[in-house]
Amino acid sequence: MLDSSDDFSASCEELKGGTRVANKILLVEDDASTADFIAKGLGEEGFVVDRATNGRDGLFHATDGSYHCIVLDRMLPGMDGMAVLAGMRGAGVETPVIVLSALGAPEDRIKGLTGGADDYLTKPFTFAELLARIRLLIRRGAPSNAPDTLLRCDDLEMDLLARRVRRGGKAIDLQPREFRLLEFLLRHVDQVVTRTMLLEGVWDYHFDPGSNVIDVHLSRLRKKVDEGFARPLLHTVRGAGYRLGVNP
């Protein structure tokens, strides 16, 4: 049984000056009830959880390289978990991965572990066991691609530890949702991000694609980030989505 100090250190990463920030987990699971169960439990234990509901989105987020551990369902729509795992490892992602599967035969476990997984947990499982396995993988050492604490685009800088944003040395005051939206864009600098990617990556669940929630938040964010500066960084890509970068 883990003591409370082990529990805390396994859900937080110790950084400069002894400051601790929550470890970030990517959960790739298409079953809503299972995903809700896991995400709720991890959130209560102090983890930050991002969710993907299919293999392709899971691979996209995994290759972002900003996670301390990935919980990956084996049977996923669009691209199964083993294909996602192969894509991650092929892209050089070293983040620890726990595969969840109803397939529990020895040959299935062996295939998962030899295919790049760090652990393999069969369904049904208890949350306590999953939590212990996640903590064990994280305590073995942070991966080489653990999250950066500073994100930048040109003269725009975000300090994830201090929760501060500056552009050209000028402080920018952001609301929590605006901060998360800008963080997502900064992790995908010079890439076109779609409305669906923003809804799932920033709001963690599906909105009606026709909703104006993105437009409202992006409008506010654009005013704070670009207003008063000669060169805009936040661009709308007509018919495709949005891009943060120097070039329009």
Protein backbone atom coordinates (compact mmCIF):
# COMPACT_ATOMS: atom_id res chain seq x y z
CA MET A 1 0.00 0.00 0.00
CA LEU A 2 1.34 3.43 -0.92
CA ASP A 3 1.66 6.05 1.79
CA SER A 4 0.27 9.54 1.32
CA SER A 5 3.63 11.09 0.40
CA ASP A 6 4.13 8.53 -2.37
CA ASP A 7 0.58 9.17 -3.59
CA PHE A 8 1.18 12.91 -3.85
CA SER A 9 4.56 12.68 -5.55
CA ALA A 10 3.17 10.19 -8.06
CA SER A 11 0.38 12.53 -9.15
CA CYS A 12 2.62 15.62 -9.24
CA GLU A 13 5.97 16.37 -10.85
CA GLU A 14 8.53 18.23 -8.74
CA LEU A 15 10.12 21.07 -10.66
CA LYS A 16 12.15 24.20 -9.95
CA GLY A 17 12.32 25.34 -6.34
CA GLY A 18 10.30 22.39 -5.06
CA THR A 19 7.15 23.59 -6.85
CA ARG A 20 4.79 20.78 -7.83
CA VAL A 21 2.41 20.62 -10.76
CA ALA A 22 -0.12 17.93 -11.56
CA ASN A 23 1.01 15.12 -13.83
CA LYS A 24 -0.86 14.94 -17.11
CA ILE A 25 -2.56 11.76 -18.34
CA LEU A 26 -3.92 11.02 -21.82
CA LEU A 27 -6.92 8.69 -21.70
CA VAL A 28 -7.83 7.07 -25.03
CA GLU A 29 -11.12 5.22 -24.50
CA ASP A 30 -14.23 5.11 -26.68
CA ASP A 31 -16.63 3.76 -24.05
CA ALA A 32 -18.11 6.82 -22.37
CA SER A 33 -18.96 5.17 -19.04
CA THR A 34 -15.46 3.65 -18.70
CA ALA A 35 -13.80 6.93 -19.68
CA ASP A 36 -15.94 8.93 -17.23
CA PHE A 37 -15.14 6.44 -14.45
CA ILE A 38 -11.38 6.65 -15.03
CA ALA A 39 -11.25 10.41 -15.64
CA LYS A 40 -13.29 11.18 -12.52
CA GLY A 41 -11.09 9.00 -10.34
CA LEU A 42 -7.83 10.40 -11.71
CA GLY A 43 -9.09 13.95 -11.37
CA GLU A 44 -9.92 13.34 -7.72
CA GLU A 45 -6.37 12.03 -7.22
CA GLY A 46 -4.86 15.25 -8.55
CA PHE A 47 -4.09 14.29 -12.15
CA VAL A 48 -4.91 16.41 -15.19
CA VAL A 49 -6.68 14.22 -17.75
CA ASP A 50 -7.08 14.79 -21.48
CA ARG A 51 -9.44 12.46 -23.34
CA ALA A 52 -9.66 11.06 -26.86
CA THR A 53 -12.47 8.80 -28.06
CA ASN A 54 -10.87 7.18 -31.11
CA GLY A 55 -7.48 5.93 -32.23
CA ARG A 56 -6.62 8.70 -34.68
CA ASP A 57 -7.29 11.48 -32.17
CA GLY A 58 -5.42 9.48 -29.55
CA LEU A 59 -2.35 9.22 -31.77
CA PHE A 60 -2.51 12.93 -32.57
CA HIS A 61 -2.52 13.90 -28.89
CA ALA A 62 0.06 11.25 -27.92
CA THR A 63 2.61 12.54 -30.42
CA ASP A 64 2.24 15.99 -28.86
CA GLY A 65 4.64 14.59 -26.25
CA SER A 66 3.11 16.44 -23.28
CA TYR A 67 1.96 13.50 -21.15
CA HIS A 68 3.48 11.61 -18.24
CA CYS A 69 1.41 8.47 -18.85
CA ILE A 70 -1.08 7.26 -21.46
CA VAL A 71 -4.00 4.93 -20.72
CA LEU A 72 -4.89 3.30 -24.04
CA ASP A 73 -7.85 1.05 -24.81
CA ARG A 74 -6.97 -1.74 -27.23
CA MET A 75 -10.28 -1.87 -29.12
CA LEU A 76 -10.86 1.57 -30.62
CA PRO A 77 -12.81 2.85 -33.63
CA GLY A 78 -10.89 4.12 -36.65
CA MET A 79 -7.51 2.81 -35.51
CA ASP A 80 -7.08 0.12 -32.88
CA GLY A 81 -4.90 0.56 -29.81
CA MET A 82 -2.02 -1.54 -31.11
CA ALA A 83 -1.83 0.59 -34.26
CA VAL A 84 -1.88 3.73 -32.11
CA LEU A 85 0.92 2.29 -30.00
CA ALA A 86 2.98 1.42 -33.07
CA GLY A 87 2.49 4.93 -34.43
CA MET A 88 3.59 6.49 -31.15
CA ARG A 89 6.72 4.41 -30.80
CA GLY A 90 7.53 4.90 -34.48
CA ALA A 91 7.35 8.66 -33.92
CA GLY A 92 9.78 8.40 -31.01
CA VAL A 93 7.23 8.93 -28.24
CA GLU A 94 8.59 7.32 -25.06
CA THR A 95 5.69 8.16 -22.74
CA PRO A 96 4.72 5.15 -20.57
CA VAL A 97 1.59 3.39 -21.85
CA ILE A 98 -0.89 1.16 -20.05
CA VAL A 99 -3.06 -0.85 -22.45
CA LEU A 100 -6.60 -1.70 -21.31
CA SER A 101 -8.23 -4.72 -22.94
CA ALA A 102 -10.90 -7.38 -22.54
CA LEU A 103 -8.44 -9.73 -24.26
CA GLY A 104 -6.61 -11.37 -21.40
CA ALA A 105 -5.10 -14.53 -22.88
CA PRO A 106 -1.31 -14.88 -22.44
CA GLU A 107 -0.70 -14.37 -26.16
CA ASP A 108 -2.74 -11.14 -26.08
CA ARG A 109 -0.75 -9.80 -23.14
CA ILE A 110 2.51 -10.74 -24.82
CA LYS A 111 1.46 -9.01 -28.04
CA GLY A 112 0.62 -5.85 -26.13
CA LEU A 113 3.87 -5.77 -24.16
CA THR A 114 6.10 -6.63 -27.11
CA GLY A 115 4.18 -4.08 -29.21
CA GLY A 116 5.42 -1.21 -27.07
CA ALA A 117 3.18 -1.13 -23.99
CA ASP A 118 4.76 -0.68 -20.57
CA ASP A 119 1.86 -2.42 -18.82
CA TYR A 120 -1.25 -4.39 -19.77
CA LEU A 121 -4.42 -4.43 -17.66
CA THR A 122 -7.40 -6.63 -18.50
CA LYS A 123 -11.03 -5.59 -18.13
CA PRO A 124 -12.82 -5.57 -15.78
CA PHE A 125 -10.41 -3.93 -13.38
CA THR A 126 -10.60 -1.89 -10.19
CA PHE A 127 -9.70 1.78 -10.23
CA ALA A 128 -7.33 1.20 -7.31
CA GLU A 129 -5.26 -1.21 -9.39
CA LEU A 130 -5.16 1.10 -12.40
CA LEU A 131 -4.13 4.00 -10.17
CA ALA A 132 -1.35 1.97 -8.57
CA ARG A 133 0.00 0.96 -11.99
CA ILE A 134 -0.05 4.55 -13.26
CA ARG A 135 1.80 5.77 -10.18
CA LEU A 136 4.36 3.01 -10.52
CA LEU A 137 5.15 3.95 -14.13
CA ILE A 138 5.45 7.63 -13.27
CA ARG A 139 7.71 6.96 -10.29
CA ARG A 140 10.09 5.01 -12.51
CA GLY A 141 11.16 8.33 -13.92
CA ALA A 142 9.83 11.11 -16.07
CA PRO A 143 10.19 10.42 -19.82
CA SER A 144 12.58 12.47 -21.90
CA ASN A 145 9.60 14.14 -23.56
CA ALA A 146 7.90 15.27 -20.34
CA PRO A 147 6.06 18.58 -20.67
CA ASP A 148 8.02 21.81 -21.08
CA THR A 149 7.19 24.44 -18.49
CA LEU A 150 7.61 27.31 -20.97
CA LEU A 151 5.75 27.51 -24.27
CA ARG A 152 6.64 30.14 -26.87
CA CYS A 153 5.60 31.55 -30.22
CA ASP A 154 7.66 34.51 -31.39
CA ASP A 155 7.49 37.07 -28.54
CA LEU A 156 4.52 35.33 -26.88
CA GLU A 157 5.46 33.23 -23.85
CA MET A 158 3.43 31.07 -21.46
CA ASP A 159 4.84 29.96 -18.09
CA LEU A 160 2.89 26.84 -17.09
CA LEU A 161 4.23 26.81 -13.54
CA ALA A 162 3.53 30.45 -12.70
CA ARG A 163 0.37 30.44 -14.86
CA ARG A 164 1.58 33.64 -16.53
CA VAL A 165 1.41 34.83 -20.12
CA ARG A 166 3.51 37.63 -21.59
CA ARG A 167 3.95 39.10 -25.03
CA GLY A 168 6.86 41.39 -25.70
CA GLY A 169 7.41 41.52 -21.94
CA LYS A 170 3.85 42.73 -21.32
CA ALA A 171 1.71 40.63 -18.97
CA ILE A 172 -1.56 39.29 -20.40
CA ASP A 173 -4.39 38.44 -18.00
CA LEU A 174 -6.34 35.36 -19.12
CA GLN A 175 -9.36 33.56 -17.73
CA PRO A 176 -8.85 29.81 -17.03
CA ARG A 177 -10.53 28.68 -20.26
CA GLU A 178 -8.62 31.25 -22.30
CA PHE A 179 -5.38 30.04 -20.71
CA ARG A 180 -6.14 26.44 -21.66
CA LEU A 181 -7.14 27.47 -25.18
CA LEU A 182 -3.89 29.38 -25.67
CA GLU A 183 -1.90 26.48 -24.19
CA PHE A 184 -3.45 24.12 -26.75
CA LEU A 185 -2.58 26.50 -29.59
CA LEU A 186 0.98 26.97 -28.29
CA ARG A 187 1.45 23.20 -28.30
CA HIS A 188 0.52 23.21 -31.99
CA VAL A 189 2.34 26.31 -33.27
CA ASP A 190 2.16 26.72 -37.06
CA GLN A 191 -0.33 23.85 -37.30
CA VAL A 192 -3.93 24.23 -38.41
CA VAL A 193 -6.23 23.10 -35.61
CA THR A 194 -9.87 22.36 -36.39
CA ARG A 195 -12.93 23.32 -34.38
CA THR A 196 -13.40 19.68 -33.39
CA MET A 197 -9.81 19.46 -32.12
CA LEU A 198 -10.34 22.57 -30.01
CA LEU A 199 -13.66 21.38 -28.61
CA GLU A 200 -12.26 18.02 -27.61
CA GLY A 201 -8.84 19.27 -26.53
CA VAL A 202 -9.92 22.33 -24.56
CA TRP A 203 -13.45 21.56 -23.41
CA ASP A 204 -12.91 17.77 -22.98
CA TYR A 205 -16.26 16.83 -24.47
CA HIS A 206 -18.27 17.23 -27.64
CA PHE A 207 -20.14 20.43 -28.40
CA ASP A 208 -22.41 20.98 -31.35
CA PRO A 209 -19.91 21.91 -34.12
CA GLY A 210 -22.23 24.78 -34.96
CA SER A 211 -21.90 26.27 -31.48
CA ASN A 212 -20.30 29.71 -31.26
CA VAL A 213 -18.42 28.90 -28.04
CA ILE A 214 -15.10 28.72 -29.92
CA ASP A 215 -15.71 31.97 -31.78
CA VAL A 216 -16.51 33.82 -28.54
CA HIS A 217 -13.40 32.59 -26.72
CA LEU A 218 -11.09 33.06 -29.71
CA SER A 219 -12.36 36.59 -30.21
CA ARG A 220 -11.54 37.43 -26.59
CA LEU A 221 -8.18 35.69 -26.81
CA ARG A 222 -7.26 37.47 -30.06
CA LYS A 223 -7.94 40.86 -28.47
CA LYS A 224 -5.70 40.05 -25.53
CA VAL A 225 -2.89 38.43 -27.52
CA ASP A 226 -2.79 40.54 -30.69
CA GLU A 227 -4.35 43.92 -29.91
CA GLY A 228 -1.71 46.63 -29.66
CA PHE A 229 0.96 44.58 -31.43
CA ALA A 230 2.11 45.20 -35.00
CA ARG A 231 2.20 41.52 -35.97
CA PRO A 232 -0.84 39.27 -35.29
CA LEU A 233 -0.15 35.70 -34.18
CA LEU A 234 -3.64 34.19 -34.06
CA HIS A 235 -5.01 33.51 -37.54
CA THR A 236 -8.24 32.12 -38.95
CA VAL A 237 -7.69 29.63 -41.78
CA ARG A 238 -10.84 29.91 -43.83
CA GLY A 239 -12.67 26.61 -44.17
CA ALA A 240 -10.08 24.73 -42.11
CA GLY A 241 -9.66 26.11 -38.60
CA TYR A 242 -7.13 28.27 -36.77
CA ARG A 243 -3.38 28.64 -36.53
CA LEU A 244 -1.03 30.30 -34.06
CA GLY A 245 2.13 31.52 -35.72
CA VAL A 246 4.02 34.43 -37.24
CA ASN A 247 2.83 33.78 -40.79
CA PRO A 248 -0.89 34.10 -41.66
